[in-house]
Amino acid sequence: MKYDEIDVAALLDRNAAVVQLSILVVSDDKCFMTTISATGASKREQGDVFDPDLGYEFAMSRALQNLSRKLRSRADARLKLACPKEKS
């Protein structure tokens, strides 16, 4: 498997930021392709200073955390298939 393409989409306004990440996963023989997507968001609370870069960074970091969990879960599932437990 290889990760062929990563797309980032961001929606920012004065009070919130949302980031969506999508990774195109391609099998080594190119017979199988799938996309894994994750989102992250941040919201400015009343009294917070307006800083669009900070909102974007929080949203991006949350999207990356979400994507990381999905990739780890996928890897764990593939490992279980590749290495089944021996029965005693």
PDB file of N, CA and C in Angstrom:
ATOM      1  N   MET A   1       0.838  -1.185   0.000  1.00  0.00           N
ATOM      2  CA  MET A   1       0.000   0.000   0.000  1.00  0.00           C
ATOM      3  C   MET A   1       0.875   1.237   0.000  1.00  0.00           C
ATOM      4  N   LYS A   2       0.387   2.242  -0.711  1.00  0.00           N
ATOM      5  CA  LYS A   2       1.065   3.521  -0.638  1.00  0.00           C
ATOM      6  C   LYS A   2       0.017   4.624  -0.620  1.00  0.00           C
ATOM      7  N   TYR A   3       0.406   5.746  -0.078  1.00  0.00           N
ATOM      8  CA  TYR A   3      -0.478   6.888   0.000  1.00  0.00           C
ATOM      9  C   TYR A   3      -0.118   7.798  -1.163  1.00  0.00           C
ATOM     10  N   ASP A   4      -1.009   7.841  -2.144  1.00  0.00           N
ATOM     11  CA  ASP A   4      -0.707   8.455  -3.419  1.00  0.00           C
ATOM     12  C   ASP A   4      -0.975   9.948  -3.449  1.00  0.00           C
ATOM     13  N   GLU A   5      -1.978  10.391  -2.727  1.00  0.00           N
ATOM     14  CA  GLU A   5      -2.411  11.778  -2.863  1.00  0.00           C
ATOM     15  C   GLU A   5      -3.051  12.223  -1.556  1.00  0.00           C
ATOM     16  N   ILE A   6      -2.748  13.433  -1.117  1.00  0.00           N
ATOM     17  CA  ILE A   6      -3.371  13.993   0.080  1.00  0.00           C
ATOM     18  C   ILE A   6      -4.020  15.307  -0.321  1.00  0.00           C
ATOM     19  N   ASP A   7      -5.313  15.439  -0.029  1.00  0.00           N
ATOM     20  CA  ASP A   7      -6.048  16.671  -0.305  1.00  0.00           C
ATOM     21  C   ASP A   7      -6.417  17.337   1.012  1.00  0.00           C
ATOM     22  N   VAL A   8      -6.326  18.652   1.034  1.00  0.00           N
ATOM     23  CA  VAL A   8      -6.705  19.432   2.209  1.00  0.00           C
ATOM     24  C   VAL A   8      -7.725  20.469   1.771  1.00  0.00           C
ATOM     25  N   ALA A   9      -8.834  20.509   2.493  1.00  0.00           N
ATOM     26  CA  ALA A   9      -9.841  21.546   2.262  1.00  0.00           C
ATOM     27  C   ALA A   9     -10.083  22.254   3.594  1.00  0.00           C
ATOM     28  N   ALA A  10     -10.102  23.571   3.561  1.00  0.00           N
ATOM     29  CA  ALA A  10     -10.308  24.333   4.797  1.00  0.00           C
ATOM     30  C   ALA A  10     -11.388  25.381   4.583  1.00  0.00           C
ATOM     31  N   LEU A  11     -12.207  25.543   5.606  1.00  0.00           N
ATOM     32  CA  LEU A  11     -13.232  26.573   5.618  1.00  0.00           C
ATOM     33  C   LEU A  11     -12.988  27.406   6.871  1.00  0.00           C
ATOM     34  N   LEU A  12     -12.686  28.675   6.682  1.00  0.00           N
ATOM     35  CA  LEU A  12     -12.352  29.552   7.799  1.00  0.00           C
ATOM     36  C   LEU A  12     -13.273  30.756   7.803  1.00  0.00           C
ATOM     37  N   ASP A  13     -13.731  31.138   8.977  1.00  0.00           N
ATOM     38  CA  ASP A  13     -14.410  32.421   9.119  1.00  0.00           C
ATOM     39  C   ASP A  13     -13.993  33.036  10.446  1.00  0.00           C
ATOM     40  N   ARG A  14     -14.635  34.103  10.831  1.00  0.00           N
ATOM     41  CA  ARG A  14     -14.211  34.838  12.024  1.00  0.00           C
ATOM     42  C   ARG A  14     -14.374  34.039  13.307  1.00  0.00           C
ATOM     43  N   ASN A  15     -15.287  33.084  13.351  1.00  0.00           N
ATOM     44  CA  ASN A  15     -15.570  32.379  14.595  1.00  0.00           C
ATOM     45  C   ASN A  15     -15.261  30.888  14.576  1.00  0.00           C
ATOM     46  N   ALA A  16     -14.909  30.323  13.423  1.00  0.00           N
ATOM     47  CA  ALA A  16     -14.687  28.881  13.367  1.00  0.00           C
ATOM     48  C   ALA A  16     -13.785  28.521  12.195  1.00  0.00           C
ATOM     49  N   ALA A  17     -13.206  27.335  12.312  1.00  0.00           N
ATOM     50  CA  ALA A  17     -12.393  26.780  11.229  1.00  0.00           C
ATOM     51  C   ALA A  17     -12.688  25.285  11.143  1.00  0.00           C
ATOM     52  N   VAL A  18     -12.777  24.782   9.928  1.00  0.00           N
ATOM     53  CA  VAL A  18     -12.980  23.354   9.690  1.00  0.00           C
ATOM     54  C   VAL A  18     -11.982  22.923   8.626  1.00  0.00           C
ATOM     55  N   VAL A  19     -11.303  21.803   8.879  1.00  0.00           N
ATOM     56  CA  VAL A  19     -10.346  21.255   7.923  1.00  0.00           C
ATOM     57  C   VAL A  19     -10.739  19.823   7.619  1.00  0.00           C
ATOM     58  N   GLN A  20     -10.738  19.460   6.341  1.00  0.00           N
ATOM     59  CA  GLN A  20     -10.964  18.075   5.933  1.00  0.00           C
ATOM     60  C   GLN A  20      -9.734  17.589   5.183  1.00  0.00           C
ATOM     61  N   LEU A  21      -9.225  16.439   5.614  1.00  0.00           N
ATOM     62  CA  LEU A  21      -8.092  15.796   4.960  1.00  0.00           C
ATOM     63  C   LEU A  21      -8.587  14.535   4.284  1.00  0.00           C
ATOM     64  N   SER A  22      -8.099  14.248   3.096  1.00  0.00           N
ATOM     65  CA  SER A  22      -8.426  13.013   2.386  1.00  0.00           C
ATOM     66  C   SER A  22      -7.143  12.432   1.823  1.00  0.00           C
ATOM     67  N   ILE A  23      -6.937  11.142   2.057  1.00  0.00           N
ATOM     68  CA  ILE A  23      -5.768  10.440   1.538  1.00  0.00           C
ATOM     69  C   ILE A  23      -6.245   9.362   0.587  1.00  0.00           C
ATOM     70  N   LEU A  24      -5.659   9.325  -0.603  1.00  0.00           N
ATOM     71  CA  LEU A  24      -5.937   8.274  -1.566  1.00  0.00           C
ATOM     72  C   LEU A  24      -4.934   7.146  -1.307  1.00  0.00           C
ATOM     73  N   VAL A  25      -5.448   5.966  -0.987  1.00  0.00           N
ATOM     74  CA  VAL A  25      -4.619   4.801  -0.700  1.00  0.00           C
ATOM     75  C   VAL A  25      -4.694   3.864  -1.902  1.00  0.00           C
ATOM     76  N   VAL A  26      -3.532   3.494  -2.439  1.00  0.00           N
ATOM     77  CA  VAL A  26      -3.461   2.646  -3.622  1.00  0.00           C
ATOM     78  C   VAL A  26      -2.660   1.395  -3.282  1.00  0.00           C
ATOM     79  N   SER A  27      -3.190   0.225  -3.672  1.00  0.00           N
ATOM     80  CA  SER A  27      -2.460  -1.017  -3.440  1.00  0.00           C
ATOM     81  C   SER A  27      -1.234  -1.063  -4.350  1.00  0.00           C
ATOM     82  N   ASP A  28      -0.258  -1.889  -3.972  1.00  0.00           N
ATOM     83  CA  ASP A  28       0.982  -1.985  -4.741  1.00  0.00           C
ATOM     84  C   ASP A  28       0.730  -2.399  -6.194  1.00  0.00           C
ATOM     85  N   ASP A  29      -0.270  -3.257  -6.409  1.00  0.00           N
ATOM     86  CA  ASP A  29      -0.564  -3.701  -7.781  1.00  0.00           C
ATOM     87  C   ASP A  29      -1.554  -2.779  -8.496  1.00  0.00           C
ATOM     88  N   LYS A  30      -1.948  -1.699  -7.840  1.00  0.00           N
ATOM     89  CA  LYS A  30      -2.862  -0.681  -8.372  1.00  0.00           C
ATOM     90  C   LYS A  30      -4.244  -1.224  -8.727  1.00  0.00           C
ATOM     91  N   CYS A  31      -4.610  -2.362  -8.118  1.00  0.00           N
ATOM     92  CA  CYS A  31      -5.932  -2.941  -8.354  1.00  0.00           C
ATOM     93  C   CYS A  31      -6.968  -2.447  -7.342  1.00  0.00           C
ATOM     94  N   PHE A  32      -6.500  -1.822  -6.285  1.00  0.00           N
ATOM     95  CA  PHE A  32      -7.398  -1.414  -5.217  1.00  0.00           C
ATOM     96  C   PHE A  32      -7.073   0.021  -4.814  1.00  0.00           C
ATOM     97  N   MET A  33      -8.116   0.868  -4.772  1.00  0.00           N
ATOM     98  CA  MET A  33      -7.949   2.246  -4.315  1.00  0.00           C
ATOM     99  C   MET A  33      -9.080   2.584  -3.358  1.00  0.00           C
ATOM    100  N   THR A  34      -8.754   3.332  -2.334  1.00  0.00           N
ATOM    101  CA  THR A  34      -9.768   3.815  -1.411  1.00  0.00           C
ATOM    102  C   THR A  34      -9.321   5.169  -0.882  1.00  0.00           C
ATOM    103  N   THR A  35     -10.257   5.898  -0.328  1.00  0.00           N
ATOM    104  CA  THR A  35      -9.950   7.195   0.257  1.00  0.00           C
ATOM    105  C   THR A  35     -10.283   7.151   1.742  1.00  0.00           C
ATOM    106  N   ILE A  36      -9.367   7.671   2.544  1.00  0.00           N
ATOM    107  CA  ILE A  36      -9.595   7.803   3.984  1.00  0.00           C
ATOM    108  C   ILE A  36      -9.696   9.296   4.265  1.00  0.00           C
ATOM    109  N   SER A  37     -10.781   9.706   4.915  1.00  0.00           N
ATOM    110  CA  SER A  37     -11.001  11.124   5.188  1.00  0.00           C
ATOM    111  C   SER A  37     -11.154  11.369   6.679  1.00  0.00           C
ATOM    112  N   ALA A  38     -10.780  12.565   7.095  1.00  0.00           N
ATOM    113  CA  ALA A  38     -10.922  12.957   8.498  1.00  0.00           C
ATOM    114  C   ALA A  38     -11.147  14.460   8.555  1.00  0.00           C
ATOM    115  N   THR A  39     -11.853  14.898   9.576  1.00  0.00           N
ATOM    116  CA  THR A  39     -12.100  16.329   9.745  1.00  0.00           C
ATOM    117  C   THR A  39     -11.679  16.779  11.130  1.00  0.00           C
ATOM    118  N   GLY A  40     -11.438  18.058  11.237  1.00  0.00           N
ATOM    119  CA  GLY A  40     -11.137  18.687  12.515  1.00  0.00           C
ATOM    120  C   GLY A  40     -11.740  20.082  12.510  1.00  0.00           C
ATOM    121  N   ALA A  41     -12.089  20.567  13.684  1.00  0.00           N
ATOM    122  CA  ALA A  41     -12.727  21.876  13.769  1.00  0.00           C
ATOM    123  C   ALA A  41     -12.247  22.634  14.999  1.00  0.00           C
ATOM    124  N   SER A  42     -12.367  23.941  14.932  1.00  0.00           N
ATOM    125  CA  SER A  42     -12.103  24.789  16.089  1.00  0.00           C
ATOM    126  C   SER A  42     -13.141  25.905  16.086  1.00  0.00           C
ATOM    127  N   LYS A  43     -13.434  26.403  17.278  1.00  0.00           N
ATOM    128  CA  LYS A  43     -14.439  27.457  17.401  1.00  0.00           C
ATOM    129  C   LYS A  43     -13.909  28.512  18.368  1.00  0.00           C
ATOM    130  N   ARG A  44     -14.006  29.733  17.969  1.00  0.00           N
ATOM    131  CA  ARG A  44     -13.578  30.844  18.819  1.00  0.00           C
ATOM    132  C   ARG A  44     -14.658  31.098  19.856  1.00  0.00           C
ATOM    133  N   GLU A  45     -14.248  31.149  21.114  1.00  0.00           N
ATOM    134  CA  GLU A  45     -15.185  31.422  22.198  1.00  0.00           C
ATOM    135  C   GLU A  45     -15.295  32.931  22.430  1.00  0.00           C
ATOM    136  N   GLN A  46     -16.361  33.327  23.091  1.00  0.00           N
ATOM    137  CA  GLN A  46     -16.562  34.742  23.379  1.00  0.00           C
ATOM    138  C   GLN A  46     -15.385  35.258  24.210  1.00  0.00           C
ATOM    139  N   GLY A  47     -14.823  36.346  23.786  1.00  0.00           N
ATOM    140  CA  GLY A  47     -13.698  36.933  24.502  1.00  0.00           C
ATOM    141  C   GLY A  47     -12.341  36.518  23.960  1.00  0.00           C
ATOM    142  N   ASP A  48     -12.284  35.488  23.125  1.00  0.00           N
ATOM    143  CA  ASP A  48     -11.018  35.079  22.517  1.00  0.00           C
ATOM    144  C   ASP A  48     -10.587  36.102  21.476  1.00  0.00           C
ATOM    145  N   VAL A  49      -9.300  36.284  21.351  1.00  0.00           N
ATOM    146  CA  VAL A  49      -8.752  37.187  20.338  1.00  0.00           C
ATOM    147  C   VAL A  49      -8.887  36.519  18.972  1.00  0.00           C
ATOM    148  N   PHE A  50      -9.245  37.292  17.956  1.00  0.00           N
ATOM    149  CA  PHE A  50      -9.374  36.757  16.599  1.00  0.00           C
ATOM    150  C   PHE A  50      -7.992  36.518  16.016  1.00  0.00           C
ATOM    151  N   ASP A  51      -7.697  35.272  15.694  1.00  0.00           N
ATOM    152  CA  ASP A  51      -6.430  34.889  15.068  1.00  0.00           C
ATOM    153  C   ASP A  51      -6.722  33.739  14.113  1.00  0.00           C
ATOM    154  N   PRO A  52      -6.897  34.028  12.817  1.00  0.00           N
ATOM    155  CA  PRO A  52      -7.281  32.973  11.874  1.00  0.00           C
ATOM    156  C   PRO A  52      -6.240  31.853  11.764  1.00  0.00           C
ATOM    157  N   ASP A  53      -4.957  32.187  11.925  1.00  0.00           N
ATOM    158  CA  ASP A  53      -3.919  31.151  11.853  1.00  0.00           C
ATOM    159  C   ASP A  53      -4.046  30.164  13.009  1.00  0.00           C
ATOM    160  N   LEU A  54      -4.342  30.666  14.177  1.00  0.00           N
ATOM    161  CA  LEU A  54      -4.490  29.794  15.347  1.00  0.00           C
ATOM    162  C   LEU A  54      -5.691  28.866  15.183  1.00  0.00           C
ATOM    163  N   GLY A  55      -6.813  29.392  14.714  1.00  0.00           N
ATOM    164  CA  GLY A  55      -7.993  28.558  14.470  1.00  0.00           C
ATOM    165  C   GLY A  55      -7.713  27.473  13.450  1.00  0.00           C
ATOM    166  N   TYR A  56      -6.996  27.842  12.381  1.00  0.00           N
ATOM    167  CA  TYR A  56      -6.626  26.869  11.347  1.00  0.00           C
ATOM    168  C   TYR A  56      -5.712  25.792  11.931  1.00  0.00           C
ATOM    169  N   GLU A  57      -4.730  26.185  12.736  1.00  0.00           N
ATOM    170  CA  GLU A  57      -3.804  25.206  13.318  1.00  0.00           C
ATOM    171  C   GLU A  57      -4.525  24.231  14.244  1.00  0.00           C
ATOM    172  N   PHE A  58      -5.448  24.723  15.055  1.00  0.00           N
ATOM    173  CA  PHE A  58      -6.217  23.819  15.921  1.00  0.00           C
ATOM    174  C   PHE A  58      -7.045  22.851  15.080  1.00  0.00           C
ATOM    175  N   ALA A  59      -7.725  23.366  14.069  1.00  0.00           N
ATOM    176  CA  ALA A  59      -8.554  22.506  13.214  1.00  0.00           C
ATOM    177  C   ALA A  59      -7.695  21.480  12.480  1.00  0.00           C
ATOM    178  N   MET A  60      -6.550  21.906  11.957  1.00  0.00           N
ATOM    179  CA  MET A  60      -5.650  20.990  11.254  1.00  0.00           C
ATOM    180  C   MET A  60      -5.119  19.921  12.196  1.00  0.00           C
ATOM    181  N   SER A  61      -4.709  20.305  13.390  1.00  0.00           N
ATOM    182  CA  SER A  61      -4.168  19.312  14.334  1.00  0.00           C
ATOM    183  C   SER A  61      -5.236  18.299  14.727  1.00  0.00           C
ATOM    184  N   ARG A  62      -6.464  18.745  14.860  1.00  0.00           N
ATOM    185  CA  ARG A  62      -7.553  17.807  15.197  1.00  0.00           C
ATOM    186  C   ARG A  62      -7.863  16.878  14.032  1.00  0.00           C
ATOM    187  N   ALA A  63      -7.794  17.397  12.815  1.00  0.00           N
ATOM    188  CA  ALA A  63      -8.000  16.540  11.641  1.00  0.00           C
ATOM    189  C   ALA A  63      -6.879  15.510  11.536  1.00  0.00           C
ATOM    190  N   LEU A  64      -5.650  15.931  11.798  1.00  0.00           N
ATOM    191  CA  LEU A  64      -4.520  14.994  11.750  1.00  0.00           C
ATOM    192  C   LEU A  64      -4.640  13.921  12.831  1.00  0.00           C
ATOM    193  N   GLN A  65      -5.094  14.299  14.022  1.00  0.00           N
ATOM    194  CA  GLN A  65      -5.305  13.309  15.089  1.00  0.00           C
ATOM    195  C   GLN A  65      -6.360  12.296  14.663  1.00  0.00           C
ATOM    196  N   ASN A  66      -7.450  12.783  14.096  1.00  0.00           N
ATOM    197  CA  ASN A  66      -8.526  11.910  13.628  1.00  0.00           C
ATOM    198  C   ASN A  66      -8.013  10.969  12.540  1.00  0.00           C
ATOM    199  N   LEU A  67      -7.265  11.518  11.585  1.00  0.00           N
ATOM    200  CA  LEU A  67      -6.710  10.706  10.503  1.00  0.00           C
ATOM    201  C   LEU A  67      -5.725   9.674  11.052  1.00  0.00           C
ATOM    202  N   SER A  68      -4.930  10.074  12.000  1.00  0.00           N
ATOM    203  CA  SER A  68      -3.973   9.165  12.626  1.00  0.00           C
ATOM    204  C   SER A  68      -4.676   7.977  13.271  1.00  0.00           C
ATOM    205  N   ARG A  69      -5.775   8.242  13.976  1.00  0.00           N
ATOM    206  CA  ARG A  69      -6.548   7.152  14.601  1.00  0.00           C
ATOM    207  C   ARG A  69      -7.096   6.194  13.542  1.00  0.00           C
ATOM    208  N   LYS A  70      -7.600   6.748  12.450  1.00  0.00           N
ATOM    209  CA  LYS A  70      -8.160   5.905  11.385  1.00  0.00           C
ATOM    210  C   LYS A  70      -7.074   5.045  10.727  1.00  0.00           C
ATOM    211  N   LEU A  71      -5.908   5.642  10.474  1.00  0.00           N
ATOM    212  CA  LEU A  71      -4.817   4.878   9.872  1.00  0.00           C
ATOM    213  C   LEU A  71      -4.315   3.798  10.818  1.00  0.00           C
ATOM    214  N   ARG A  72      -4.232   4.110  12.109  1.00  0.00           N
ATOM    215  CA  ARG A  72      -3.786   3.117  13.104  1.00  0.00           C
ATOM    216  C   ARG A  72      -4.776   1.967  13.187  1.00  0.00           C
ATOM    217  N   SER A  73      -6.053   2.273  13.196  1.00  0.00           N
ATOM    218  CA  SER A  73      -7.086   1.240  13.247  1.00  0.00           C
ATOM    219  C   SER A  73      -7.013   0.349  12.014  1.00  0.00           C
ATOM    220  N   ARG A  74      -6.802   0.958  10.872  1.00  0.00           N
ATOM    221  CA  ARG A  74      -6.684   0.211   9.612  1.00  0.00           C
ATOM    222  C   ARG A  74      -5.455  -0.704   9.635  1.00  0.00           C
ATOM    223  N   ALA A  75      -4.333  -0.179  10.132  1.00  0.00           N
ATOM    224  CA  ALA A  75      -3.110  -0.979  10.223  1.00  0.00           C
ATOM    225  C   ALA A  75      -3.287  -2.138  11.209  1.00  0.00           C
ATOM    226  N   ASP A  76      -3.931  -1.879  12.329  1.00  0.00           N
ATOM    227  CA  ASP A  76      -4.193  -2.945  13.311  1.00  0.00           C
ATOM    228  C   ASP A  76      -5.043  -4.054  12.697  1.00  0.00           C
ATOM    229  N   ALA A  77      -6.068  -3.674  11.944  1.00  0.00           N
ATOM    230  CA  ALA A  77      -6.943  -4.663  11.309  1.00  0.00           C
ATOM    231  C   ALA A  77      -6.171  -5.482  10.271  1.00  0.00           C
ATOM    232  N   ARG A  78      -5.322  -4.833   9.486  1.00  0.00           N
ATOM    233  CA  ARG A  78      -4.524  -5.556   8.485  1.00  0.00           C
ATOM    234  C   ARG A  78      -3.527  -6.495   9.158  1.00  0.00           C
ATOM    235  N   LEU A  79      -2.973  -6.072  10.280  1.00  0.00           N
ATOM    236  CA  LEU A  79      -2.031  -6.916  11.010  1.00  0.00           C
ATOM    237  C   LEU A  79      -2.724  -8.170  11.543  1.00  0.00           C
ATOM    238  N   LYS A  80      -3.921  -8.017  12.049  1.00  0.00           N
ATOM    239  CA  LYS A  80      -4.677  -9.169  12.556  1.00  0.00           C
ATOM    240  C   LYS A  80      -4.981 -10.168  11.440  1.00  0.00           C
ATOM    241  N   LEU A  81      -5.251  -9.668  10.241  1.00  0.00           N
ATOM    242  CA  LEU A  81      -5.500 -10.548   9.113  1.00  0.00           C
ATOM    243  C   LEU A  81      -4.222 -11.253   8.658  1.00  0.00           C
ATOM    244  N   ALA A  82      -3.112 -10.540   8.720  1.00  0.00           N
ATOM    245  CA  ALA A  82      -1.839 -11.104   8.263  1.00  0.00           C
ATOM    246  C   ALA A  82      -1.241 -12.078   9.261  1.00  0.00           C
ATOM    247  N   CYS A  83      -1.509 -11.862  10.535  1.00  0.00           N
ATOM    248  CA  CYS A  83      -0.915 -12.686  11.594  1.00  0.00           C
ATOM    249  C   CYS A  83      -2.008 -13.203  12.533  1.00  0.00           C
ATOM    250  N   PRO A  84      -2.825 -14.151  12.082  1.00  0.00           N
ATOM    251  CA  PRO A  84      -3.882 -14.652  12.971  1.00  0.00           C
ATOM    252  C   PRO A  84      -3.259 -15.369  14.168  1.00  0.00           C
ATOM    253  N   LYS A  85      -3.956 -15.296  15.293  1.00  0.00           N
ATOM    254  CA  LYS A  85      -3.473 -15.963  16.512  1.00  0.00           C
ATOM    255  C   LYS A  85      -3.567 -17.478  16.330  1.00  0.00           C
ATOM    256  N   GLU A  86      -2.560 -18.160  16.842  1.00  0.00           N
ATOM    257  CA  GLU A  86      -2.575 -19.624  16.773  1.00  0.00           C
ATOM    258  C   GLU A  86      -3.500 -20.168  17.849  1.00  0.00           C
ATOM    259  N   LYS A  87      -4.238 -21.205  17.503  1.00  0.00           N
ATOM    260  CA  LYS A  87      -5.139 -21.830  18.473  1.00  0.00           C
ATOM    261  C   LYS A  87      -4.372 -22.930  19.199  1.00  0.00           C
ATOM    262  N   SER A  88      -4.543 -22.989  20.507  1.00  0.00           N
ATOM    263  CA  SER A  88      -3.862 -24.025  21.291  1.00  0.00           C
ATOM    264  C   SER A  88      -4.706 -25.250  21.440  1.00  0.00           C
TER     265      SER A  88
END
